[in-house]
């Protein structure tokens, strides 16, 4: 139990959390009606959600100031980029949007999501905190949970001095279960959110082009809030088969992570008005990969259109082959 009253974060509906920082393994303790339910190490929480890890690299070169994508040459092989990013990201990523703590009664579940990236602090700490908060909210929106309280996670002894924001929320038992996994062949795949030609602070720019620092990626809080509200309605109306928040690695990584659980593939088309590398690997905030079943597809598209949400048809799921702009990138078995 937390030793001080101010350590307690009251979530509501019987839930509370205590943030323990004064030990070798900082953790979050979850309580329901004052009874300890679960203790989650901060390290475990970070590894279990789409947190943007970052490492020092002596070979990294600074970007020109001011940074522009026109400084960066387009890669000769997108397949080579995709393989490199997948190898880097799969070392840390696990396939969930957020961490859910449930109990065996009709009480809502407790949902914990996080976000953060030390590269976004290049301009200033305020921007780093803003993007971390946005990522945490983005990840929680994928569950259909109602956000309740933000908190700042402690810096781990082996980590960098970077903002890691946590978000606590409540998920009613009646909310349809959503996750990142494509369910079956033939599902339609959509991109929700604004497409921009932006590779700033991306893993692609960092690992493939060896450039750091650069500005934080595109973010529009007003667009994000409106989209999350509509997503909440779509999830509760059971219109979504799968949903994945786009963060580290961009659209390509999200598509791969959605394909892996059921060993499906995808056949998608990029936006002709945006550079292919930026479209596939850029990390602009406020976007989601969503799939729908044949039965729910029309209702889902109608809801997005009526609410003036930017929706782009990417393509469909396949039995296992990965195709982008009619070029084969292999099979999902090559990425597992």
Foldseek 3Di string as FASTA:
>chain_A
DDPDPVQWDDADLQWIWGWADPDQFTWIFIGGVNHTDDIGTPVRQCLAAPEDADDDDPLFAAADPQHDCVVPDDDPDPLVLLVQLLVVVVVRHDFWLWDWADDPDQTWIKTKFKYFDQLQCPVHQVSRQVRGVLSRLLSVLQALWDWGDKDWHDARPPGDPITMIMIMTTGGPLFDGAGLADDDFFWWKKKWDDQDQAAAPAPSCCVVVSYDRHHDAADDVVLLVLVSVLSSVCRRVVFFHYKDFAAHQGQQVSQLSRCPVVQKEWAWEFDPVYPPCSRRGHGHGRMMMTIGDPVRVVVVVVSCVVSVIDMDGTGTIGRFWYHYPNDTSGGSVVSD
